[in-house]
């Protein structure tokens, strides 16, 4: 069952977005046979129009990529002579995501080169700042 129609006001997801108000939410058909796809997984659209977890090689300039906005059970692949139905899933076409929360099919995070491609499609990342990354002290002359 899709989590797209969950109760408003409840929080049952991991922290994925750093700016939820500016995220562009859509519904996508997920190709059967991909098992359970976790929230935050990068999905790539195939030529057939169905989405599946993206591998590193799928992150290209011409690929249409989205981020899974919920856990989705894609079901079993169609057997010989059988028909399978694609599951509908909530996905983000664009948005500002917590760095490290978006993963590829193998569970790794996108490389810096992949993030450049994703940025061109509106999928950007916000890295949390700590006191180790900057020095805010000022010394007088």
Protein backbone atom coordinates (compact mmCIF):
# COMPACT_ATOMS: atom_id res chain seq x y z
CA UNK A 1 0.00 0.00 0.00
CA UNK A 2 1.22 3.47 -0.81
CA UNK A 3 2.20 5.85 1.99
CA UNK A 4 1.18 8.75 -0.25
CA UNK A 5 -2.18 8.92 1.51
CA UNK A 6 -0.85 8.83 5.09
CA UNK A 7 -2.32 10.85 7.93
CA UNK A 8 -1.54 14.55 7.67
CA UNK A 9 0.55 15.84 10.55
CA UNK A 10 2.20 12.54 11.43
CA UNK A 11 5.90 12.01 10.89
CA UNK A 12 6.83 8.49 9.89
CA UNK A 13 9.80 9.19 7.60
CA UNK A 14 13.48 9.75 8.07
CA UNK A 15 14.82 13.29 7.69
CA UNK A 16 15.18 13.50 3.91
CA UNK A 17 14.47 17.11 2.97
CA UNK A 18 16.25 20.11 4.39
CA UNK A 19 13.61 22.45 2.88
CA UNK A 20 10.25 20.61 2.64
CA UNK A 21 8.31 23.69 1.50
CA UNK A 22 10.16 24.02 -1.80
CA UNK A 23 10.10 20.34 -2.79
CA UNK A 24 8.19 19.34 -5.93
CA UNK A 25 6.19 16.18 -5.16
CA UNK A 26 4.89 13.91 -7.91
CA UNK A 27 3.58 10.35 -8.23
CA UNK A 28 5.61 7.90 -10.33
CA UNK A 29 4.98 4.33 -11.53
CA UNK A 30 7.61 1.96 -10.12
CA UNK A 31 8.60 -1.05 -12.23
CA UNK A 32 7.54 -4.38 -10.70
CA UNK A 33 10.28 -6.73 -9.54
CA UNK A 34 12.49 -4.26 -7.64
CA UNK A 35 11.51 -5.44 -4.16
CA UNK A 36 11.11 -2.90 -1.38
CA UNK A 37 12.54 0.48 -2.35
CA UNK A 38 13.53 2.66 0.60
CA UNK A 39 12.70 6.33 1.01
CA UNK A 40 15.55 8.48 -0.31
CA UNK A 41 16.49 6.10 -3.12
CA UNK A 42 17.29 7.82 -6.41
CA UNK A 43 15.00 6.50 -9.16
CA UNK A 44 15.61 6.62 -12.92
CA UNK A 45 12.89 6.47 -15.59
CA UNK A 46 13.26 3.77 -18.22
CA UNK A 47 12.29 4.10 -21.88
CA UNK A 48 9.02 2.35 -20.96
CA UNK A 49 8.22 5.20 -18.54
CA UNK A 50 8.59 3.14 -15.36
CA UNK A 51 10.99 4.03 -12.54
CA UNK A 52 13.57 1.78 -10.88
CA UNK A 53 16.41 2.33 -8.41
CA UNK A 54 19.20 4.20 -10.18
CA UNK A 55 22.70 2.79 -10.47
CA UNK A 56 25.71 5.11 -10.79
CA UNK A 57 25.67 4.61 -14.58
CA UNK A 58 22.03 5.79 -14.71
CA UNK A 59 22.92 9.29 -13.45
CA UNK A 60 23.46 11.01 -16.80
CA UNK A 61 22.61 14.39 -18.33
CA UNK A 62 19.73 12.88 -20.33
CA UNK A 63 18.23 10.68 -17.58
CA UNK A 64 15.02 11.70 -15.84
CA UNK A 65 15.73 11.25 -12.12
CA UNK A 66 13.58 11.57 -8.98
CA UNK A 67 14.01 10.74 -5.28
CA UNK A 68 11.65 8.23 -3.63
CA UNK A 69 9.55 10.09 -1.07
CA UNK A 70 8.30 6.96 0.68
CA UNK A 71 9.07 3.28 1.09
CA UNK A 72 7.40 1.36 -1.73
CA UNK A 73 6.87 -2.33 -2.36
CA UNK A 74 7.30 -2.80 -6.11
CA UNK A 75 5.93 -6.34 -6.12
CA UNK A 76 7.02 -9.32 -8.17
CA UNK A 77 8.18 -9.11 -11.77
CA UNK A 78 5.76 -10.47 -14.36
CA UNK A 79 6.35 -14.10 -15.19
CA UNK A 80 6.05 -15.61 -18.65
CA UNK A 81 2.60 -14.82 -20.01
CA UNK A 82 1.65 -12.89 -16.86
CA UNK A 83 0.89 -9.23 -16.25
CA UNK A 84 2.23 -7.19 -13.33
CA UNK A 85 1.01 -3.78 -12.23
CA UNK A 86 3.40 -0.93 -11.51
CA UNK A 87 3.03 0.50 -8.01
CA UNK A 88 2.44 4.25 -7.68
CA UNK A 89 4.91 5.98 -5.38
CA UNK A 90 5.45 9.46 -3.99
CA UNK A 91 8.64 11.00 -5.38
CA UNK A 92 10.42 14.33 -5.41
CA UNK A 93 11.14 15.78 -8.84
CA UNK A 94 13.20 18.54 -7.20
CA UNK A 95 14.10 19.80 -3.76
CA UNK A 96 16.86 20.47 -1.26
CA UNK A 97 17.88 17.21 0.43
CA UNK A 98 20.01 16.47 3.47
CA UNK A 99 23.45 15.49 2.19
CA UNK A 100 23.88 11.73 2.57
CA UNK A 101 20.14 10.98 2.73
CA UNK A 102 19.78 10.24 -1.00
CA UNK A 103 21.26 6.90 -2.09
CA UNK A 104 21.75 4.89 -5.27
CA UNK A 105 20.49 1.35 -5.87
CA UNK A 106 23.54 -0.18 -4.16
CA UNK A 107 23.11 2.00 -1.05
CA UNK A 108 26.00 4.35 -1.81
CA UNK A 109 25.62 8.13 -1.98
CA UNK A 110 26.01 9.96 -5.31
CA UNK A 111 29.52 11.14 -6.20
CA UNK A 112 30.40 14.81 -6.60
CA UNK A 113 30.11 14.42 -10.40
CA UNK A 114 26.66 12.84 -10.03
CA UNK A 115 25.58 15.69 -7.73
CA UNK A 116 26.41 18.17 -10.49
CA UNK A 117 24.05 16.31 -12.84
CA UNK A 118 21.37 16.12 -10.14
CA UNK A 119 21.73 19.85 -9.41
CA UNK A 120 20.94 20.59 -13.07
CA UNK A 121 17.67 18.70 -12.58
CA UNK A 122 16.74 20.57 -9.40
CA UNK A 123 17.91 17.96 -6.90
CA UNK A 124 20.32 19.79 -4.60
CA UNK A 125 21.98 18.94 -1.31
CA UNK A 126 22.40 20.88 1.91
CA UNK A 127 25.33 19.87 4.06
CA UNK A 128 25.03 20.52 7.75
CA UNK A 129 27.60 23.00 9.01
CA UNK A 130 29.59 22.39 12.17
CA UNK A 131 32.18 24.44 14.00
CA UNK A 132 34.82 22.18 12.46
CA UNK A 133 34.06 23.51 8.96
CA UNK A 134 34.57 27.21 9.64
CA UNK A 135 36.14 29.64 12.07
CA UNK A 136 33.94 32.60 12.96
CA UNK A 137 36.44 34.43 15.17
CA UNK A 138 37.74 37.85 14.10
CA UNK A 139 41.05 39.32 15.32
CA UNK A 140 41.60 43.03 15.56
CA UNK A 141 44.40 44.80 13.74
